[in-house]
Amino acid sequence: MIIYKSNGSWFGHVSHLTTSYTMRRILTAVGILGTYSALVIGAIKLLDLHRYLQVDSTIFSLLAVILSIFLGFRTNTAYDRWWEARKQWGALVNNSRNLAVYVDSMWPESNTAIRRFMAKHIANFCLALPEHLRQGTKIDRLVYLHPEERAYYETKDHVPNFIALRIFQRIAEAHRNGDINEGDYINIKAQHQSLLDILGACERIKKTPIPFSYAVYLKVFVTAYAILLPFGLSQQFGWGTIPLAMLIGFALIGVELMGEEIEDPFGLDCNDLPTGDIARTIQRNVFEILEDRAPAAELEQELYEKVF
């Protein structure tokens, strides 16, 4: 995710126009559209085709209104998915801290084993989630794994589920043994359940993209509009059609590709959520709460490669 100062330099922000992969795609498409428009205008003037291309530009204005409605819906839908994902990860931060605080308060100070167990597993649940929402959890990203734990997780397709299972097994065992009372058990059970609720919500966002037919239709509509645009503007604007078509294409194609970029907020595009950084923040927080220390320095690693 690109971090920037919202009230920073106007021209400083504009200077980063080509640093984003999506912006480079937009500019490439606009360049192709400009070349195509130049060929169309050149052919029209060279072959004197104006008399065969009596297209009223008003038609394109009406089509632009319809297209803007579709693009507005597309962008709003994509942003809603991005923002919903951010709220879920914000809740994950809060609930992970709450669970760590509950554990630290409910068990006696002398019980360091439960604190180490919970710190490790809460952190690992959050560290496993980003890659689970991409192409599957990378076991090497988890911390303080014993060889038998590594072998156990390597046999599982859904690693966060089994980390959550181990957390709850330890809570249920403590309740059966009388280490925590019924009220504490109910309270901490709710905090644990919230982790699985967040996991399910993120999977819902990941596995329910915008319907394919809608996405294809919109791309076809934008493409057809861009192809026909030079013909509609050539008679009125002549060679001025080229920059005008490029400007209109920049607006339309840009909105579509930006919506496409943030539609999957768990990816590695430069404007996707920094889920790896958030997971590492949770890792530091729970270790500080439960063990009164930061995790070992060797565990402070990049959780993913950022794509710009």
Protein backbone atom coordinates (compact mmCIF):
# COMPACT_ATOMS: atom_id res chain seq x y z
CA MET A 1 0.00 0.00 0.00
CA ILE A 2 1.31 3.46 -0.90
CA ILE A 3 1.56 5.66 2.17
CA TYR A 4 1.37 9.36 1.40
CA LYS A 5 0.57 12.67 3.05
CA SER A 6 -2.90 13.75 1.97
CA ASN A 7 -2.08 17.46 2.15
CA GLY A 8 1.36 17.08 0.60
CA SER A 9 2.76 18.66 -2.52
CA TRP A 10 0.33 18.63 -5.44
CA PHE A 11 3.07 18.36 -8.04
CA GLY A 12 4.98 15.92 -5.86
CA HIS A 13 2.05 13.51 -6.03
CA VAL A 14 1.68 14.04 -9.78
CA SER A 15 5.38 13.29 -10.27
CA HIS A 16 4.72 9.73 -9.07
CA LEU A 17 2.31 9.14 -11.94
CA THR A 18 4.41 6.40 -13.52
CA THR A 19 5.54 4.63 -10.33
CA SER A 20 2.29 2.68 -9.97
CA TYR A 21 1.85 -0.48 -12.04
CA THR A 22 -1.80 0.41 -12.63
CA MET A 23 -0.92 3.92 -13.79
CA ARG A 24 1.63 2.48 -16.21
CA ARG A 25 -1.09 0.23 -17.64
CA ILE A 26 -3.39 3.23 -17.99
CA LEU A 27 -0.73 5.32 -19.73
CA THR A 28 0.11 2.43 -22.05
CA ALA A 29 -3.55 2.06 -23.02
CA VAL A 30 -3.85 5.83 -23.54
CA GLY A 31 -0.74 5.82 -25.74
CA ILE A 32 -2.21 3.03 -27.87
CA LEU A 33 -5.46 4.97 -28.13
CA GLY A 34 -3.55 8.10 -29.19
CA THR A 35 -1.70 6.17 -31.91
CA TYR A 36 -4.95 4.62 -33.11
CA SER A 37 -6.66 8.03 -33.17
CA ALA A 38 -3.79 9.51 -35.22
CA LEU A 39 -4.11 6.69 -37.77
CA VAL A 40 -7.87 7.20 -37.99
CA ILE A 41 -7.63 10.99 -38.41
CA GLY A 42 -4.81 10.60 -40.95
CA ALA A 43 -6.83 8.09 -42.97
CA ILE A 44 -9.94 10.28 -42.87
CA LYS A 45 -8.05 13.33 -44.10
CA LEU A 46 -5.95 11.47 -46.65
CA LEU A 47 -8.89 9.60 -48.16
CA ASP A 48 -11.41 12.39 -47.63
CA LEU A 49 -13.82 10.20 -45.71
CA HIS A 50 -15.65 12.97 -43.90
CA ARG A 51 -18.69 12.64 -46.12
CA TYR A 52 -19.05 8.98 -45.14
CA LEU A 53 -18.63 9.62 -41.41
CA GLN A 54 -21.43 11.98 -40.52
CA VAL A 55 -21.63 10.93 -36.85
CA ASP A 56 -23.23 13.36 -34.43
CA SER A 57 -20.96 13.80 -31.42
CA THR A 58 -24.09 14.14 -29.26
CA ILE A 59 -24.44 10.36 -29.45
CA PHE A 60 -21.08 9.99 -27.74
CA SER A 61 -22.15 12.40 -25.03
CA LEU A 62 -25.19 10.25 -24.31
CA LEU A 63 -23.11 7.07 -24.32
CA ALA A 64 -20.64 8.74 -21.96
CA VAL A 65 -23.44 9.36 -19.46
CA ILE A 66 -24.44 5.68 -19.55
CA LEU A 67 -20.81 4.60 -19.31
CA SER A 68 -20.17 6.88 -16.34
CA ILE A 69 -23.06 5.27 -14.46
CA PHE A 70 -21.57 1.81 -15.01
CA LEU A 71 -18.07 2.94 -14.10
CA GLY A 72 -19.36 4.71 -10.98
CA PHE A 73 -21.05 1.52 -9.84
CA ARG A 74 -17.89 -0.46 -10.64
CA THR A 75 -15.65 1.85 -8.66
CA ASN A 76 -18.01 2.08 -5.67
CA THR A 77 -18.35 -1.70 -5.54
CA ALA A 78 -14.58 -2.21 -5.67
CA TYR A 79 -13.96 0.43 -3.00
CA ASP A 80 -16.63 -1.07 -0.75
CA ARG A 81 -14.77 -4.38 -0.92
CA TRP A 82 -11.46 -2.65 -0.13
CA TRP A 83 -12.93 -0.71 2.80
CA GLU A 84 -14.80 -3.72 4.19
CA ALA A 85 -11.52 -5.66 4.13
CA ARG A 86 -9.75 -2.83 5.95
CA LYS A 87 -12.45 -2.78 8.65
CA GLN A 88 -12.08 -6.54 9.11
CA TRP A 89 -8.32 -6.22 9.55
CA GLY A 90 -8.83 -3.32 11.96
CA ALA A 91 -11.15 -5.57 13.97
CA LEU A 92 -8.51 -8.31 13.85
CA VAL A 93 -5.99 -5.93 15.45
CA ASN A 94 -8.42 -4.98 18.22
CA ASN A 95 -9.69 -8.49 18.93
CA SER A 96 -6.19 -10.00 18.95
CA ARG A 97 -5.13 -7.43 21.54
CA ASN A 98 -8.30 -8.06 23.55
CA LEU A 99 -7.68 -11.80 23.52
CA ALA A 100 -4.10 -11.27 24.68
CA VAL A 101 -5.27 -8.97 27.50
CA TYR A 102 -7.89 -11.53 28.58
CA VAL A 103 -5.28 -14.30 28.71
CA ASP A 104 -2.85 -12.14 30.66
CA SER A 105 -5.55 -11.20 33.19
CA MET A 106 -7.24 -14.58 33.68
CA TRP A 107 -4.26 -16.82 34.29
CA PRO A 108 -1.92 -16.34 37.29
CA GLU A 109 1.32 -14.47 36.68
CA SER A 110 3.32 -17.60 37.42
CA ASN A 111 1.82 -19.42 34.43
CA THR A 112 4.29 -18.34 31.75
CA ALA A 113 3.62 -21.40 29.61
CA ILE A 114 0.09 -20.32 28.70
CA ARG A 115 1.30 -16.82 27.89
CA ARG A 116 4.02 -18.12 25.56
CA PHE A 117 1.54 -20.52 23.94
CA MET A 118 -1.10 -17.85 23.35
CA ALA A 119 1.36 -15.20 22.16
CA LYS A 120 2.79 -17.62 19.61
CA HIS A 121 -0.56 -18.89 18.34
CA ILE A 122 -2.35 -15.54 18.18
CA ALA A 123 0.61 -14.11 16.26
CA ASN A 124 0.76 -17.13 13.96
CA PHE A 125 -2.96 -16.93 13.22
CA CYS A 126 -2.48 -13.35 12.00
CA LEU A 127 0.75 -14.17 10.15
CA ALA A 128 -0.88 -17.11 8.38
CA LEU A 129 -3.94 -15.15 7.25
CA PRO A 130 -2.40 -12.84 4.57
CA GLU A 131 -0.89 -15.68 2.55
CA HIS A 132 -3.97 -17.86 3.12
CA LEU A 133 -5.96 -15.14 1.35
CA ARG A 134 -3.53 -15.29 -1.59
CA GLN A 135 -2.10 -18.65 -2.59
CA GLY A 136 -1.89 -20.54 0.68
CA THR A 137 -0.05 -20.08 3.96
CA LYS A 138 3.74 -20.22 3.86
CA ILE A 139 4.79 -22.17 6.93
CA ASP A 140 8.19 -20.46 7.01
CA ARG A 141 6.45 -17.19 7.89
CA LEU A 142 5.15 -18.59 11.20
CA VAL A 143 7.16 -18.10 14.40
CA TYR A 144 8.53 -20.44 17.08
CA LEU A 145 7.29 -23.61 15.39
CA HIS A 146 8.43 -26.97 16.75
CA PRO A 147 9.26 -29.60 14.11
CA GLU A 148 6.10 -31.57 14.91
CA GLU A 149 3.99 -28.43 14.57
CA ARG A 150 5.57 -27.65 11.21
CA ALA A 151 4.87 -31.18 10.00
CA TYR A 152 1.29 -30.93 11.27
CA TYR A 153 0.57 -27.63 9.51
CA GLU A 154 2.19 -28.77 6.26
CA THR A 155 -0.54 -31.40 5.93
CA LYS A 156 -3.33 -28.82 6.21
CA ASP A 157 -4.89 -26.74 3.45
CA HIS A 158 -6.43 -24.25 5.89
CA VAL A 159 -3.68 -23.42 8.38
CA PRO A 160 -5.46 -20.49 10.17
CA ASN A 161 -8.34 -22.83 11.05
CA PHE A 162 -6.06 -25.27 12.81
CA ILE A 163 -4.15 -22.54 14.64
CA ALA A 164 -7.51 -21.25 15.91
CA LEU A 165 -8.43 -24.82 16.86
CA ARG A 166 -5.31 -25.18 19.00
CA ILE A 167 -6.03 -21.89 20.75
CA PHE A 168 -9.56 -22.96 21.64
CA GLN A 169 -8.44 -26.45 22.71
CA ARG A 170 -6.15 -24.81 25.27
CA ILE A 171 -8.95 -22.51 26.48
CA ALA A 172 -11.42 -25.42 26.79
CA GLU A 173 -8.84 -27.49 28.65
CA ALA A 174 -8.27 -24.65 31.13
CA HIS A 175 -12.03 -24.40 31.68
CA ARG A 176 -12.39 -28.13 32.30
CA ASN A 177 -9.48 -28.07 34.75
CA GLY A 178 -10.97 -25.14 36.64
CA ASP A 179 -8.15 -22.73 35.75
CA ILE A 180 -10.74 -20.20 34.53
CA ASN A 181 -14.31 -19.83 35.73
CA GLU A 182 -17.49 -19.94 33.66
CA GLY A 183 -17.75 -16.17 33.23
CA ASP A 184 -14.16 -15.85 32.07
CA TYR A 185 -14.67 -18.79 29.70
CA ILE A 186 -17.70 -17.15 28.07
CA ASN A 187 -15.88 -13.84 27.67
CA ILE A 188 -12.71 -15.28 26.18
CA LYS A 189 -14.70 -17.63 23.96
CA ALA A 190 -16.35 -14.60 22.33
CA GLN A 191 -12.95 -13.06 21.63
CA HIS A 192 -11.73 -16.29 20.06
CA GLN A 193 -14.87 -16.62 17.96
CA SER A 194 -14.33 -13.13 16.59
CA LEU A 195 -11.05 -14.30 14.99
CA LEU A 196 -12.92 -16.94 12.99
CA ASP A 197 -15.65 -14.45 12.11
CA ILE A 198 -13.02 -12.12 10.64
CA LEU A 199 -11.41 -15.03 8.80
CA GLY A 200 -14.77 -15.94 7.27
CA ALA A 201 -15.52 -12.35 6.28
CA CYS A 202 -12.15 -12.02 4.52
CA GLU A 203 -12.73 -15.29 2.68
CA ARG A 204 -16.16 -14.03 1.60
CA ILE A 205 -14.58 -10.90 0.12
CA LYS A 206 -11.83 -12.91 -1.56
CA LYS A 207 -14.07 -15.57 -3.07
CA THR A 208 -16.92 -13.35 -4.25
CA PRO A 209 -15.54 -10.99 -6.91
CA ILE A 210 -17.70 -8.79 -9.09
CA PRO A 211 -19.69 -11.06 -11.46
CA PHE A 212 -17.58 -11.95 -14.48
CA SER A 213 -20.27 -11.07 -17.03
CA TYR A 214 -20.53 -7.57 -15.57
CA ALA A 215 -16.76 -7.05 -15.67
CA VAL A 216 -16.53 -8.30 -19.27
CA TYR A 217 -19.47 -6.19 -20.40
CA LEU A 218 -17.92 -3.06 -18.97
CA LYS A 219 -14.57 -3.74 -20.67
CA VAL A 220 -16.34 -4.34 -24.00
CA PHE A 221 -18.33 -1.12 -23.57
CA VAL A 222 -15.20 0.95 -22.79
CA THR A 223 -13.28 -0.63 -25.68
CA ALA A 224 -16.07 -0.03 -28.20
CA TYR A 225 -16.48 3.56 -27.01
CA ALA A 226 -12.73 4.23 -27.34
CA ILE A 227 -12.61 2.67 -30.84
CA LEU A 228 -15.55 4.70 -32.14
CA LEU A 229 -14.63 7.97 -30.40
CA PRO A 230 -12.16 9.30 -33.06
CA PHE A 231 -14.79 8.84 -35.76
CA GLY A 232 -17.31 10.88 -33.80
CA LEU A 233 -14.92 13.74 -33.04
CA SER A 234 -12.91 13.93 -36.27
CA GLN A 235 -15.21 16.24 -38.22
CA GLN A 236 -15.56 18.77 -35.42
CA PHE A 237 -12.04 18.74 -33.95
CA GLY A 238 -9.78 17.46 -36.73
CA TRP A 239 -6.28 16.72 -35.45
CA GLY A 240 -7.42 17.95 -32.06
CA THR A 241 -9.29 14.65 -31.79
CA ILE A 242 -6.04 12.90 -30.84
CA PRO A 243 -5.35 14.64 -27.48
CA LEU A 244 -9.08 14.84 -26.77
CA ALA A 245 -9.55 11.10 -27.30
CA MET A 246 -6.51 10.40 -25.13
CA LEU A 247 -7.87 12.56 -22.32
CA ILE A 248 -11.29 10.90 -22.42
CA GLY A 249 -9.62 7.47 -22.62
CA PHE A 250 -7.41 8.35 -19.64
CA ALA A 251 -10.53 9.07 -17.56
CA LEU A 252 -12.55 6.03 -18.61
CA ILE A 253 -9.79 3.43 -18.71
CA GLY A 254 -8.28 4.81 -15.50
CA VAL A 255 -11.49 4.41 -13.52
CA GLU A 256 -11.93 0.83 -14.76
CA LEU A 257 -8.34 -0.26 -14.03
CA MET A 258 -8.23 1.42 -10.62
CA GLY A 259 -11.42 -0.40 -9.66
CA GLU A 260 -9.90 -3.64 -10.94
CA GLU A 261 -6.79 -3.07 -8.82
CA ILE A 262 -8.55 -2.63 -5.48
CA GLU A 263 -11.22 -5.27 -6.14
CA ASP A 264 -8.96 -7.85 -4.49
CA PRO A 265 -7.66 -5.97 -1.42
CA PHE A 266 -5.53 -8.89 -0.20
CA GLY A 267 -3.16 -9.01 -3.17
CA LEU A 268 0.25 -7.46 -3.69
CA ASP A 269 -0.63 -4.50 -5.90
CA CYS A 270 0.71 -1.20 -4.65
CA ASN A 271 -2.73 -0.01 -3.47
CA ASP A 272 -3.81 -3.26 -1.81
CA LEU A 273 -4.01 -3.50 1.96
CA PRO A 274 -0.70 -3.88 3.86
CA THR A 275 -1.93 -7.07 5.52
CA GLY A 276 1.60 -8.32 6.15
CA ASP A 277 2.54 -5.14 8.02
CA ILE A 278 -0.69 -5.28 10.04
CA ALA A 279 -0.01 -8.92 10.96
CA ARG A 280 3.49 -8.03 12.11
CA THR A 281 2.08 -5.18 14.24
CA ILE A 282 -0.27 -7.67 15.93
CA GLN A 283 2.68 -10.00 16.47
CA ARG A 284 4.62 -7.29 18.28
CA ASN A 285 1.59 -6.22 20.33
CA VAL A 286 0.64 -9.66 21.65
CA PHE A 287 4.22 -10.49 22.61
CA GLU A 288 4.50 -7.20 24.47
CA ILE A 289 1.23 -7.86 26.32
CA LEU A 290 1.78 -11.51 27.19
CA GLU A 291 5.56 -11.69 27.59
CA ASP A 292 6.38 -8.05 28.19
CA ARG A 293 8.87 -8.10 25.33
CA ALA A 294 9.11 -7.72 21.58
CA PRO A 295 9.58 -10.87 19.44
CA ALA A 296 13.11 -11.91 18.59
CA ALA A 297 14.92 -9.72 16.08
CA GLU A 298 15.26 -12.57 13.59
CA LEU A 299 11.48 -12.73 13.35
CA GLU A 300 11.24 -9.13 12.21
CA GLN A 301 11.15 -9.96 8.51
CA GLU A 302 9.25 -8.71 5.52
CA LEU A 303 6.11 -10.78 5.19
CA TYR A 304 5.74 -10.14 1.49
CA GLU A 305 7.39 -8.35 -1.38
CA LYS A 306 5.61 -5.12 -2.18
CA VAL A 307 4.76 -4.68 -5.84
CA PHE A 308 4.85 -1.07 -7.11
